[in-house]
N, C-alpha and C. Protein backbone atom coordinates (compact mmCIF):
# COMPACT_ATOMS: atom_id res chain seq x y z
N UNK A 1 -18.85 17.71 47.06
CA UNK A 1 -19.39 18.28 46.52
C UNK A 1 -18.26 18.89 44.92
N UNK A 2 -17.60 19.12 45.03
CA UNK A 2 -16.63 19.52 43.81
C UNK A 2 -16.61 18.16 43.14
N UNK A 3 -16.38 17.17 43.20
CA UNK A 3 -16.07 15.64 42.18
C UNK A 3 -17.53 15.68 41.75
N UNK A 4 -18.66 15.98 42.75
CA UNK A 4 -20.00 15.65 41.89
C UNK A 4 -20.21 16.77 40.78
N UNK A 5 -19.70 18.22 40.78
CA UNK A 5 -20.05 19.18 40.25
C UNK A 5 -18.84 18.65 38.86
N UNK A 6 -17.81 18.29 38.80
CA UNK A 6 -17.09 17.98 37.98
C UNK A 6 -17.63 16.67 37.58
N UNK A 7 -18.18 15.82 38.10
CA UNK A 7 -18.71 14.68 37.34
C UNK A 7 -19.71 14.64 35.94
N UNK A 8 -20.33 15.85 36.88
CA UNK A 8 -22.07 16.52 36.11
C UNK A 8 -21.41 17.08 34.83
N UNK A 9 -20.64 18.49 34.82
CA UNK A 9 -19.91 19.08 33.92
C UNK A 9 -19.13 17.99 33.04
N UNK A 10 -18.69 16.96 32.79
CA UNK A 10 -17.86 16.10 32.10
C UNK A 10 -18.99 15.14 31.73
N UNK A 11 -19.84 14.31 32.02
CA UNK A 11 -21.13 14.27 31.63
C UNK A 11 -21.88 14.92 30.65
N UNK A 12 -21.80 16.01 30.71
CA UNK A 12 -22.47 17.25 30.18
C UNK A 12 -22.43 17.50 28.82
N UNK A 13 -20.89 17.55 29.04
CA UNK A 13 -19.82 17.96 27.90
C UNK A 13 -19.78 16.33 26.99
N UNK A 14 -19.67 15.43 27.43
CA UNK A 14 -19.79 14.28 26.33
C UNK A 14 -21.19 14.29 25.55
N UNK A 15 -22.04 14.32 26.45
CA UNK A 15 -23.39 14.00 26.06
C UNK A 15 -23.39 15.35 24.87
N UNK A 16 -23.40 16.78 25.00
CA UNK A 16 -23.27 17.66 24.11
C UNK A 16 -22.06 17.07 22.97
N UNK A 17 -21.16 16.73 23.18
CA UNK A 17 -20.29 16.32 21.66
C UNK A 17 -21.04 15.18 20.98
N UNK A 18 -21.94 14.27 21.86
CA UNK A 18 -22.48 13.20 21.01
C UNK A 18 -24.20 13.60 20.19
N UNK A 19 -24.40 14.79 20.67
CA UNK A 19 -25.98 14.90 20.46
C UNK A 19 -25.72 15.01 18.80
N UNK A 20 -27.01 14.55 18.41
CA UNK A 20 -27.05 15.09 16.78
C UNK A 20 -28.01 16.53 16.85
N UNK A 21 -27.55 16.88 15.58
CA UNK A 21 -28.32 18.40 15.46
C UNK A 21 -29.20 18.07 14.33
N UNK A 22 -30.58 19.07 15.05
CA UNK A 22 -31.53 18.54 14.14
C UNK A 22 -31.75 19.35 12.80
N UNK A 23 -32.52 18.87 12.23
CA UNK A 23 -33.07 20.11 10.99
C UNK A 23 -33.82 20.89 11.65
N UNK A 24 -33.75 22.24 10.83
CA UNK A 24 -34.24 23.35 11.40
C UNK A 24 -35.30 24.11 10.59
N UNK A 25 -36.30 24.81 10.79
CA UNK A 25 -36.96 25.40 10.17
C UNK A 25 -36.48 26.75 9.53
N UNK A 26 -36.50 27.18 8.70
CA UNK A 26 -35.25 28.30 7.81
C UNK A 26 -36.27 28.85 7.02
N UNK A 27 -36.20 30.08 6.93
CA UNK A 27 -36.80 31.20 5.84
C UNK A 27 -35.32 32.04 5.24
N UNK A 28 -35.39 31.80 4.22
CA UNK A 28 -34.21 32.72 3.47
C UNK A 28 -34.46 32.76 2.11
N UNK A 29 -33.41 33.75 1.63
CA UNK A 29 -33.61 34.29 0.00
C UNK A 29 -32.32 34.15 -0.57
N UNK A 30 -32.64 33.33 -1.99
CA UNK A 30 -31.38 32.86 -2.52
C UNK A 30 -31.06 33.69 -3.75
N UNK A 31 -29.86 33.43 -4.52
CA UNK A 31 -29.76 34.14 -5.59
C UNK A 31 -28.82 33.06 -6.23
N UNK A 32 -29.29 33.03 -7.80
CA UNK A 32 -28.38 32.04 -8.02
C UNK A 32 -28.51 31.69 -9.89
N UNK A 33 -27.96 30.69 -10.40
CA UNK A 33 -28.33 30.48 -11.77
C UNK A 33 -29.82 30.70 -12.27
N UNK A 34 -30.44 30.25 -11.02
CA UNK A 34 -32.22 29.87 -11.72
C UNK A 34 -33.07 30.89 -11.56
N UNK A 35 -32.27 32.11 -10.76
CA UNK A 35 -32.76 33.74 -10.67
C UNK A 35 -32.66 34.38 -8.83
N UNK A 36 -33.93 34.52 -8.53
CA UNK A 36 -33.96 34.83 -7.33
C UNK A 36 -35.06 34.53 -6.65
N UNK A 37 -34.96 33.70 -5.33
CA UNK A 37 -36.29 33.22 -4.82
C UNK A 37 -36.36 33.36 -3.00
N UNK A 38 -37.70 33.10 -2.52
CA UNK A 38 -37.56 33.45 -1.50
C UNK A 38 -38.29 31.95 -0.62
N UNK A 39 -37.57 31.04 0.03
CA UNK A 39 -37.96 29.72 0.11
C UNK A 39 -37.98 29.27 1.75
N UNK A 40 -38.44 28.30 2.40
CA UNK A 40 -38.99 28.06 3.58
C UNK A 40 -38.52 26.84 3.45
N UNK A 41 -37.89 25.94 4.67
CA UNK A 41 -37.16 24.64 4.59
C UNK A 41 -38.02 24.10 6.19
N UNK A 42 -38.87 23.52 5.91
CA UNK A 42 -39.69 22.53 7.02
C UNK A 42 -39.36 21.51 7.07
N UNK A 43 -38.52 21.07 8.17
CA UNK A 43 -38.41 19.81 8.58
C UNK A 43 -39.61 18.46 8.45
N UNK A 44 -39.46 17.35 8.23
CA UNK A 44 -40.39 16.19 8.19
C UNK A 44 -40.20 15.17 8.76
N UNK A 45 -38.56 14.89 9.06
CA UNK A 45 -38.07 14.05 9.96
C UNK A 45 -36.30 14.52 10.43
N UNK A 46 -35.73 13.13 11.02
CA UNK A 46 -34.58 14.09 11.21
C UNK A 46 -33.66 13.63 9.57
N UNK A 47 -34.15 13.17 8.86
CA UNK A 47 -33.60 12.97 7.05
C UNK A 47 -34.35 13.83 6.35
N UNK A 48 -35.63 14.06 6.20
CA UNK A 48 -36.33 14.42 5.29
C UNK A 48 -36.97 15.95 5.48
N UNK A 49 -36.67 16.82 4.49
CA UNK A 49 -36.81 18.07 4.60
C UNK A 49 -37.63 18.88 3.10
N UNK A 50 -38.91 19.28 3.53
CA UNK A 50 -39.91 20.02 2.68
C UNK A 50 -39.57 21.14 1.99
N UNK A 51 -38.79 22.03 1.19
CA UNK A 51 -38.69 23.20 0.47
C UNK A 51 -39.60 23.82 -0.34
N UNK A 52 -40.10 24.78 0.17
CA UNK A 52 -40.82 25.35 -0.43
C UNK A 52 -40.37 26.78 -0.88
N UNK A 53 -40.99 27.01 -2.25
CA UNK A 53 -40.28 28.82 -2.99
C UNK A 53 -41.32 29.29 -4.18
N UNK A 54 -40.78 30.81 -4.16
CA UNK A 54 -41.37 31.33 -5.04
C UNK A 54 -40.33 32.57 -5.30
N UNK A 55 -40.20 32.67 -6.65
CA UNK A 55 -39.34 33.65 -7.08
C UNK A 55 -39.52 34.13 -8.61
N UNK A 56 -38.51 35.11 -8.70
CA UNK A 56 -38.54 34.97 -10.40
C UNK A 56 -37.09 34.73 -11.01
N UNK A 57 -37.09 34.14 -12.48
CA UNK A 57 -35.81 33.77 -12.35
C UNK A 57 -36.38 33.32 -14.28
N UNK A 58 -35.64 31.95 -14.34
CA UNK A 58 -35.53 31.46 -15.46
C UNK A 58 -36.75 31.02 -16.19
N UNK A 59 -37.10 31.19 -17.55
CA UNK A 59 -38.16 30.60 -18.46
C UNK A 59 -37.69 29.30 -19.06
N UNK A 60 -38.57 28.53 -19.09
CA UNK A 60 -38.75 27.20 -19.63
C UNK A 60 -39.56 26.94 -21.10
N UNK A 61 -38.96 26.49 -21.95
CA UNK A 61 -39.96 25.79 -23.63
C UNK A 61 -39.61 24.80 -23.45
N UNK A 62 -40.69 23.79 -24.06
CA UNK A 62 -40.41 22.55 -24.86
C UNK A 62 -41.46 22.44 -26.29
N UNK A 63 -40.69 23.08 -27.44
CA UNK A 63 -40.63 22.88 -28.76
C UNK A 63 -40.13 21.68 -29.66
N UNK A 64 -41.16 20.38 -30.28
CA UNK A 64 -40.73 19.77 -31.20
C UNK A 64 -39.64 18.79 -30.10
N UNK A 65 -40.19 18.49 -29.30
CA UNK A 65 -39.19 17.45 -28.39
C UNK A 65 -37.73 18.15 -28.04
N UNK A 66 -37.55 19.42 -27.74
CA UNK A 66 -36.41 20.10 -27.27
C UNK A 66 -36.57 21.06 -26.26
N UNK A 67 -35.74 20.59 -25.06
CA UNK A 67 -36.34 21.37 -24.10
C UNK A 67 -35.18 22.66 -23.87
N UNK A 68 -35.88 23.95 -23.73
CA UNK A 68 -34.71 24.99 -23.61
C UNK A 68 -34.89 25.78 -22.25
N UNK A 69 -33.95 26.30 -21.60
CA UNK A 69 -34.04 27.60 -20.57
C UNK A 69 -33.73 28.87 -21.14
N UNK A 70 -34.17 29.75 -20.73
CA UNK A 70 -34.12 31.11 -20.87
C UNK A 70 -34.05 32.01 -20.08
N UNK A 71 -33.29 32.77 -19.79
CA UNK A 71 -33.29 33.82 -18.70
C UNK A 71 -32.69 35.31 -19.15
N UNK A 72 -33.88 36.08 -18.81
CA UNK A 72 -33.88 37.69 -19.18
C UNK A 72 -33.79 38.66 -18.40
N UNK A 73 -32.63 38.77 -17.69
CA UNK A 73 -32.19 39.87 -16.58
C UNK A 73 -33.21 40.79 -16.65
N UNK A 74 -33.90 41.73 -17.18
CA UNK A 74 -34.87 42.46 -17.15
C UNK A 74 -36.24 41.84 -17.45
N UNK A 75 -36.80 40.78 -17.63
CA UNK A 75 -37.84 40.23 -18.04
C UNK A 75 -37.81 39.21 -17.24
N UNK A 76 -37.79 38.46 -15.80
CA UNK A 76 -37.44 37.15 -15.29
C UNK A 76 -39.29 36.42 -15.15
N UNK A 77 -38.91 35.49 -15.21
CA UNK A 77 -40.45 34.74 -15.10
C UNK A 77 -40.81 34.27 -13.93
N UNK A 78 -42.21 34.78 -13.01
CA UNK A 78 -42.15 33.89 -11.94
C UNK A 78 -42.32 32.57 -11.77
N UNK A 79 -42.05 31.83 -10.62
CA UNK A 79 -42.25 30.73 -10.01
C UNK A 79 -42.25 30.07 -9.51
N UNK A 80 -42.69 28.91 -9.43
CA UNK A 80 -43.01 28.31 -7.43
C UNK A 80 -42.52 26.88 -7.79
N UNK A 81 -41.93 26.55 -6.70
CA UNK A 81 -41.22 24.93 -6.32
C UNK A 81 -41.55 24.59 -5.06
N UNK A 82 -41.44 23.21 -5.37
CA UNK A 82 -41.13 22.58 -3.71
C UNK A 82 -40.33 21.39 -4.50
N UNK A 83 -39.75 21.21 -3.23
CA UNK A 83 -38.57 20.33 -3.36
C UNK A 83 -38.50 19.46 -2.11
N UNK A 84 -38.77 18.06 -2.14
CA UNK A 84 -38.25 17.41 -0.93
C UNK A 84 -37.09 16.79 -0.97
N UNK A 85 -36.13 17.06 0.42
CA UNK A 85 -34.49 16.44 0.07
C UNK A 85 -34.61 15.26 1.25
N UNK A 86 -33.90 14.21 1.10
CA UNK A 86 -33.52 13.46 1.76
C UNK A 86 -31.59 13.75 2.13
N UNK A 87 -31.85 13.85 3.76
CA UNK A 87 -30.41 14.23 3.72
C UNK A 87 -29.85 13.01 4.49
N UNK A 88 -28.71 12.37 3.41
CA UNK A 88 -28.11 11.05 4.03
C UNK A 88 -27.03 11.40 4.20
N UNK A 89 -26.51 11.92 5.18
CA UNK A 89 -25.14 12.02 5.51
C UNK A 89 -24.80 13.06 7.00
N UNK A 90 -25.86 13.43 7.64
CA UNK A 90 -25.55 14.32 8.83
C UNK A 90 -24.98 13.72 9.81
N UNK A 91 -25.14 12.68 10.03
CA UNK A 91 -24.47 11.50 11.41
C UNK A 91 -23.11 11.87 10.92
N UNK A 92 -22.69 11.27 9.58
CA UNK A 92 -20.89 11.16 9.49
C UNK A 92 -20.46 12.92 9.78
N UNK A 93 -21.27 14.01 9.06
CA UNK A 93 -20.62 15.14 9.40
C UNK A 93 -20.65 15.38 10.68
N UNK A 94 -21.51 15.36 11.54
CA UNK A 94 -21.49 15.27 12.87
C UNK A 94 -20.03 14.79 13.47
N UNK A 95 -20.12 13.21 13.35
CA UNK A 95 -19.26 12.72 13.54
C UNK A 95 -17.86 12.97 13.62
N UNK A 96 -17.18 14.15 12.50
CA UNK A 96 -16.56 14.32 11.38
C UNK A 96 -16.02 15.94 12.46
N UNK A 97 -17.12 16.36 13.21
CA UNK A 97 -17.13 17.94 13.43
C UNK A 97 -17.19 18.81 12.49
N UNK A 98 -17.90 18.37 11.48
CA UNK A 98 -18.35 19.63 10.93
C UNK A 98 -19.68 20.37 10.61
N UNK A 99 -19.33 21.49 10.35
CA UNK A 99 -20.70 22.32 10.45
C UNK A 99 -21.65 21.95 10.08
N UNK A 100 -22.84 21.85 10.63
CA UNK A 100 -24.21 21.12 10.12
C UNK A 100 -25.03 22.39 10.34
N UNK A 101 -24.74 23.49 10.66
CA UNK A 101 -26.14 24.65 11.06
C UNK A 101 -26.40 24.86 9.38
N UNK A 102 -27.69 25.06 9.59
CA UNK A 102 -28.26 25.87 8.26
C UNK A 102 -28.87 24.65 7.54
N UNK A 103 -29.09 23.48 8.05
CA UNK A 103 -29.39 22.07 7.29
C UNK A 103 -28.36 21.78 6.17
N UNK A 104 -26.89 22.00 6.66
CA UNK A 104 -26.33 21.36 5.84
C UNK A 104 -26.02 20.08 5.57
N UNK A 105 -25.77 19.10 4.34
CA UNK A 105 -25.76 18.60 4.16
C UNK A 105 -25.49 17.86 2.79
N UNK A 106 -24.97 16.51 2.29
CA UNK A 106 -25.44 15.96 1.21
C UNK A 106 -26.55 15.53 0.86
N UNK A 107 -27.59 15.54 -0.25
CA UNK A 107 -29.26 15.00 0.06
C UNK A 107 -29.47 14.74 -1.67
N UNK A 108 -30.66 13.85 -1.33
CA UNK A 108 -30.87 13.25 -3.10
C UNK A 108 -32.55 13.85 -2.62
N UNK A 109 -32.53 15.08 -4.00
CA UNK A 109 -33.98 15.47 -3.89
C UNK A 109 -34.66 14.83 -5.04
N UNK A 110 -36.54 15.29 -4.68
CA UNK A 110 -37.28 15.55 -6.13
C UNK A 110 -37.63 16.88 -6.16
N UNK A 111 -37.81 17.86 -6.94
CA UNK A 111 -38.27 18.84 -7.15
C UNK A 111 -39.22 18.64 -7.90
N UNK A 112 -40.47 19.79 -7.92
CA UNK A 112 -41.61 20.09 -8.61
C UNK A 112 -41.34 21.39 -9.20
N UNK A 113 -41.31 21.98 -10.16
CA UNK A 113 -41.26 23.82 -10.58
C UNK A 113 -41.95 23.96 -11.78
N UNK A 114 -43.22 24.78 -11.07
CA UNK A 114 -44.11 25.71 -12.21
C UNK A 114 -43.46 26.91 -12.27
N UNK A 115 -43.23 27.26 -13.79
CA UNK A 115 -42.77 28.65 -14.38
C UNK A 115 -44.20 29.22 -15.05
N UNK A 116 -44.36 30.17 -14.43
CA UNK A 116 -45.96 30.88 -15.38
C UNK A 116 -45.71 31.66 -16.29
N UNK A 117 -44.76 31.64 -16.99
CA UNK A 117 -44.55 32.20 -18.31
C UNK A 117 -44.80 33.55 -18.30
N UNK A 118 -44.43 33.92 -19.78
CA UNK A 118 -44.56 35.51 -20.23
C UNK A 118 -45.23 35.43 -21.34
N UNK A 119 -46.47 36.40 -21.21
CA UNK A 119 -47.53 36.45 -22.33
C UNK A 119 -46.75 37.16 -23.55
N UNK A 120 -45.65 37.61 -23.38
CA UNK A 120 -45.42 38.43 -24.57
C UNK A 120 -43.91 38.14 -25.56
N UNK A 121 -44.39 36.60 -24.61
CA UNK A 121 -42.97 35.92 -25.34
C UNK A 121 -42.87 34.31 -25.62
N UNK A 122 -42.33 33.98 -26.53
CA UNK A 122 -42.90 32.69 -27.38
C UNK A 122 -41.52 31.68 -26.63
N UNK A 123 -40.85 32.21 -25.91
CA UNK A 123 -39.97 31.27 -25.16
C UNK A 123 -39.56 31.19 -24.02
N UNK A 124 -40.83 31.96 -23.17
CA UNK A 124 -41.13 32.01 -21.86
C UNK A 124 -42.53 31.50 -21.61
N UNK A 125 -42.51 30.20 -21.30
CA UNK A 125 -44.13 29.67 -21.81
C UNK A 125 -44.43 29.26 -20.50
N UNK A 126 -45.85 28.96 -20.31
CA UNK A 126 -46.22 28.18 -19.22
C UNK A 126 -45.45 26.58 -18.91
N UNK A 127 -44.56 25.96 -17.73
CA UNK A 127 -44.45 25.10 -18.37
C UNK A 127 -43.92 24.29 -16.33
N UNK A 128 -44.22 22.71 -16.84
CA UNK A 128 -43.81 22.46 -15.07
C UNK A 128 -42.33 21.21 -15.59
N UNK A 129 -41.48 21.44 -14.29
CA UNK A 129 -40.26 20.72 -14.65
C UNK A 129 -40.74 19.71 -13.26
N UNK A 130 -40.69 18.22 -13.28
CA UNK A 130 -40.19 17.54 -12.10
C UNK A 130 -38.85 16.64 -12.58
N UNK A 131 -37.91 17.06 -11.67
CA UNK A 131 -36.60 16.37 -11.46
C UNK A 131 -36.34 15.36 -10.59
N UNK A 132 -35.70 14.70 -10.46
CA UNK A 132 -34.52 13.97 -9.71
C UNK A 132 -33.39 14.39 -9.20
N UNK A 133 -32.71 14.87 -8.56
CA UNK A 133 -31.15 15.37 -8.35
C UNK A 133 -30.02 15.26 -7.35
N UNK A 134 -29.23 15.16 -7.28
CA UNK A 134 -28.26 14.54 -6.32
C UNK A 134 -27.49 16.41 -5.70
N UNK A 135 -27.67 16.57 -4.61
CA UNK A 135 -26.73 17.86 -4.04
C UNK A 135 -26.38 18.26 -3.03
N UNK A 136 -25.60 18.89 -2.51
CA UNK A 136 -25.27 19.46 -1.36
C UNK A 136 -25.56 20.67 -0.74
N UNK A 137 -25.80 21.15 0.49
CA UNK A 137 -25.96 22.31 0.99
C UNK A 137 -25.18 22.41 1.96
N UNK A 138 -24.48 23.81 1.82
CA UNK A 138 -23.30 23.89 2.71
C UNK A 138 -23.65 25.01 3.71
N UNK A 139 -23.19 25.42 4.96
CA UNK A 139 -23.66 26.17 5.79
C UNK A 139 -21.95 27.26 5.47
N UNK A 140 -22.26 28.78 5.17
CA UNK A 140 -21.06 29.39 4.79
C UNK A 140 -21.49 30.70 5.73
N UNK A 141 -20.92 30.25 7.27
CA UNK A 141 -21.21 31.32 8.24
C UNK A 141 -22.26 30.76 9.08
N UNK A 142 -22.84 32.20 9.71
CA UNK A 142 -24.33 31.93 10.45
C UNK A 142 -25.04 32.31 9.58
N UNK A 143 -25.42 32.91 8.49
CA UNK A 143 -26.39 33.10 7.92
C UNK A 143 -26.56 33.15 6.42
N UNK A 144 -25.36 32.62 5.77
CA UNK A 144 -25.39 32.46 4.45
C UNK A 144 -24.92 31.15 4.19
N UNK A 145 -25.84 30.35 3.12
CA UNK A 145 -25.52 29.17 2.94
C UNK A 145 -25.49 28.85 1.19
N UNK A 146 -24.43 27.91 0.37
CA UNK A 146 -24.42 27.54 -0.84
C UNK A 146 -25.43 26.28 -0.98
N UNK A 147 -25.82 26.08 -2.08
CA UNK A 147 -26.73 24.81 -2.24
C UNK A 147 -26.32 25.21 -4.06
N UNK A 148 -26.08 23.66 -4.14
CA UNK A 148 -25.78 23.46 -5.30
C UNK A 148 -26.54 21.83 -5.72
N UNK A 149 -27.05 21.58 -7.00
CA UNK A 149 -27.05 20.18 -7.35
C UNK A 149 -27.40 19.71 -9.07
N UNK A 150 -27.42 18.67 -9.38
CA UNK A 150 -27.20 18.04 -10.29
C UNK A 150 -28.14 16.96 -10.90
N UNK A 151 -28.88 17.14 -12.28
CA UNK A 151 -29.79 15.97 -11.62
C UNK A 151 -30.56 15.51 -13.55
N UNK A 152 -31.52 15.14 -13.76
CA UNK A 152 -32.35 15.25 -15.04
C UNK A 152 -33.61 15.28 -14.25
N UNK A 153 -34.53 15.81 -15.33
CA UNK A 153 -36.12 15.97 -14.89
C UNK A 153 -36.95 15.67 -16.20
N UNK A 154 -38.31 16.18 -16.14
CA UNK A 154 -39.44 15.58 -17.56
C UNK A 154 -39.87 17.33 -17.27
N UNK A 155 -39.82 17.58 -18.23
CA UNK A 155 -40.57 19.44 -18.20
C UNK A 155 -41.52 19.17 -19.43
N UNK A 156 -42.66 19.85 -19.11
CA UNK A 156 -43.61 19.78 -19.94
C UNK A 156 -44.13 21.06 -20.04
N UNK A 157 -44.62 21.61 -21.42
CA UNK A 157 -44.90 23.02 -21.71
C UNK A 157 -46.50 22.91 -21.89
N UNK A 158 -47.12 23.62 -21.14
CA UNK A 158 -48.51 24.08 -21.63
C UNK A 158 -49.03 24.57 -22.55
N UNK A 159 -47.95 25.43 -22.95
CA UNK A 159 -47.93 26.86 -24.27
C UNK A 159 -48.23 25.31 -25.52
N UNK A 160 -47.18 24.76 -25.78
CA UNK A 160 -47.09 23.88 -26.81
C UNK A 160 -47.35 22.52 -26.99
N UNK A 161 -47.75 22.19 -25.80
CA UNK A 161 -48.29 20.99 -25.18
C UNK A 161 -47.24 19.99 -25.88
N UNK A 162 -45.68 20.36 -25.55
CA UNK A 162 -44.74 19.12 -25.71
C UNK A 162 -43.93 18.87 -24.68
N UNK A 163 -43.60 17.99 -24.03
CA UNK A 163 -42.70 17.23 -23.38
C UNK A 163 -41.38 16.74 -23.69
N UNK A 164 -40.39 17.11 -22.48
CA UNK A 164 -39.29 16.54 -23.27
C UNK A 164 -38.21 16.36 -22.07
N UNK A 165 -37.45 15.31 -21.77
CA UNK A 165 -36.36 14.94 -20.90
C UNK A 165 -35.24 16.35 -20.44
N UNK A 166 -35.24 17.07 -19.50
CA UNK A 166 -34.26 17.78 -19.52
C UNK A 166 -33.12 18.00 -18.37
N UNK A 167 -31.82 18.26 -18.68
CA UNK A 167 -30.71 18.23 -17.48
C UNK A 167 -31.17 19.51 -16.39
N UNK A 168 -30.88 18.90 -15.59
CA UNK A 168 -30.83 20.28 -14.39
C UNK A 168 -29.40 20.51 -13.47
N UNK A 169 -29.12 21.43 -13.58
CA UNK A 169 -28.31 22.54 -12.82
C UNK A 169 -28.34 23.72 -12.19
N UNK A 170 -28.55 23.20 -10.53
CA UNK A 170 -28.42 24.66 -9.69
C UNK A 170 -27.15 25.05 -8.92
N UNK A 171 -26.73 26.24 -9.02
CA UNK A 171 -26.11 26.85 -7.57
C UNK A 171 -26.76 27.79 -7.22
N UNK A 172 -27.11 27.93 -5.85
CA UNK A 172 -27.54 29.21 -5.32
C UNK A 172 -27.05 29.49 -3.94
N UNK A 173 -26.64 30.58 -3.96
CA UNK A 173 -26.57 31.35 -2.53
C UNK A 173 -27.80 31.99 -2.03
N UNK A 174 -27.67 31.73 -0.62
CA UNK A 174 -28.68 32.08 0.26
C UNK A 174 -27.98 33.02 1.67
N UNK A 175 -29.18 33.57 2.05
CA UNK A 175 -29.22 34.08 3.19
C UNK A 175 -30.32 34.02 4.20
N UNK A 176 -29.75 33.52 5.23
CA UNK A 176 -30.92 33.31 6.10
C UNK A 176 -31.53 34.17 6.76
N UNK A 177 -33.09 34.56 6.68
CA UNK A 177 -33.66 35.05 7.42
C UNK A 177 -34.35 35.15 8.94
N UNK A 178 -34.53 34.03 8.83
CA UNK A 178 -35.19 33.32 10.25
C UNK A 178 -34.88 32.06 10.34
């Protein structure tokens, strides 16, 4: 009986060591270079993640084929965004026994962000930014996350009717709510 119990424990521990951690449904608040937001991450498969967000932050403008970002701390601009992430290295991280909590991993993402603009400002227009980027998301303990990415996108300004290619750089710290 003792040998059977010992064998069962060894098999269970071996299985747990090789089990893949799955992506999780996560609701969080984040603060970073782009402003403050509430977001929800929804796993679509073992490596695809859909993140939807709403927040207050950076305004955008395109004028005569020149894109600019503007941030006024006391007058942030509301925005909504949706991002599709392909997380490509979770298996390697698992094999190296790295922390995969909070959907950690390197990813390639496609994001669409709509900024509602500000009616009293010429530099904070209604604009749409669609970009592709490379990034990484890391877990900092059980509740905190770090997310950063860099890429290139196309920004269209609905107020000026101009569009331009725009660089993208994001850095944000998040706190997991659920």
